[in-house]
Amino acid sequence: MRLVEFRRLLNDDNALRAQFEVEHGQVLKFTVQLECRFLEGDDFTPVIRYDTSHGFAHCDRLHPYEKATKINPVHARLQ
């Protein structure tokens, strides 16, 4: 199994982070996350994440001061 990770700055206040576990050319697990910096000098905060952490593809909307919102929906279950 091969782990592919990268982070790309989109501009000074927004970044994209991605991680994929790949085996024989097939993605087994993934995480793709948008991170934003709200105030100059602050750390980046995750705000939206697509991943397969519960065995199926879904989206989490992350709120800095509230509970995260989970959106189930990428239709195919991953095995």
Protein backbone atom coordinates (compact mmCIF):
# COMPACT_ATOMS: atom_id res chain seq x y z
CA MET A 1 0.00 0.00 0.00
CA ARG A 2 1.24 3.49 -0.85
CA LEU A 3 0.32 6.67 1.00
CA VAL A 4 0.14 9.87 -1.07
CA GLU A 5 -0.10 13.17 0.82
CA PHE A 6 0.13 16.79 -0.24
CA ARG A 7 -0.88 20.28 0.79
CA ARG A 8 -1.33 23.16 -1.66
CA LEU A 9 -1.73 26.81 -0.78
CA LEU A 10 -4.54 28.26 -2.88
CA ASN A 11 -3.74 31.78 -1.67
CA ASP A 12 -2.45 33.33 1.59
CA ASP A 13 -5.54 32.29 3.57
CA ASN A 14 -6.76 29.04 1.98
CA ALA A 15 -5.12 25.64 1.55
CA LEU A 16 -6.09 22.22 0.26
CA ARG A 17 -4.83 19.09 2.04
CA ALA A 18 -5.21 15.63 0.50
CA GLN A 19 -4.28 12.11 1.55
CA PHE A 20 -4.86 8.89 -0.42
CA GLU A 21 -4.09 5.26 0.37
CA VAL A 22 -3.50 3.47 -2.94
CA GLU A 23 -2.96 -0.22 -3.67
CA HIS A 24 -2.48 -1.67 -7.15
CA GLY A 25 -3.67 1.61 -8.69
CA GLN A 26 -6.93 1.66 -6.69
CA VAL A 27 -7.75 4.25 -4.02
CA LEU A 28 -8.65 2.44 -0.77
CA LYS A 29 -9.18 5.49 1.47
CA PHE A 30 -9.03 9.23 0.97
CA THR A 31 -9.30 12.58 2.73
CA VAL A 32 -9.55 15.94 0.95
CA GLN A 33 -9.86 18.98 3.19
CA LEU A 34 -10.19 22.74 2.70
CA GLU A 35 -8.40 24.76 5.40
CA CYS A 36 -8.86 28.50 5.91
CA ARG A 37 -7.12 31.16 7.95
CA PHE A 38 -9.66 33.67 9.23
CA LEU A 39 -7.33 36.24 10.81
CA GLU A 40 -3.83 37.22 9.80
CA GLY A 41 -1.32 35.24 11.84
CA ASP A 42 -3.84 32.54 12.83
CA ASP A 43 -3.33 28.85 12.13
CA PHE A 44 -5.25 27.22 9.30
CA THR A 45 -8.61 25.75 10.39
CA PRO A 46 -10.30 22.84 8.56
CA VAL A 47 -13.72 23.96 7.26
CA ILE A 48 -14.86 21.18 4.92
CA ARG A 49 -13.61 17.62 4.53
CA TYR A 50 -14.52 14.78 2.19
CA ASP A 51 -13.31 11.39 3.43
CA THR A 52 -13.95 7.69 3.84
CA SER A 53 -13.24 7.46 7.57
CA HIS A 54 -16.48 5.58 8.39
CA GLY A 55 -16.27 3.10 5.52
CA PHE A 56 -18.17 5.28 3.05
CA ALA A 57 -17.51 8.57 1.29
CA HIS A 58 -19.10 11.54 3.02
CA CYS A 59 -18.62 15.24 3.68
CA ASP A 60 -18.05 16.94 7.05
CA ARG A 61 -18.68 20.66 7.36
CA LEU A 62 -16.53 21.83 10.25
CA HIS A 63 -17.51 24.92 12.20
CA PRO A 64 -14.92 26.58 14.46
CA TYR A 65 -17.45 27.24 17.25
CA GLU A 66 -20.12 24.59 16.63
CA LYS A 67 -20.46 20.83 16.22
CA ALA A 68 -19.47 19.50 12.79
CA THR A 69 -22.23 18.72 10.28
CA LYS A 70 -21.98 15.33 8.53
CA ILE A 71 -23.43 14.99 5.06
CA ASN A 72 -23.73 11.40 3.81
CA PRO A 73 -23.91 11.11 0.29
CA VAL A 74 -21.47 10.01 -2.00
CA HIS A 75 -23.69 7.21 -3.19
CA ALA A 76 -21.40 4.19 -3.44
CA ARG A 77 -20.30 2.42 -0.29
CA LEU A 78 -16.61 1.67 -0.27
CA GLN A 79 -15.56 -1.86 0.55
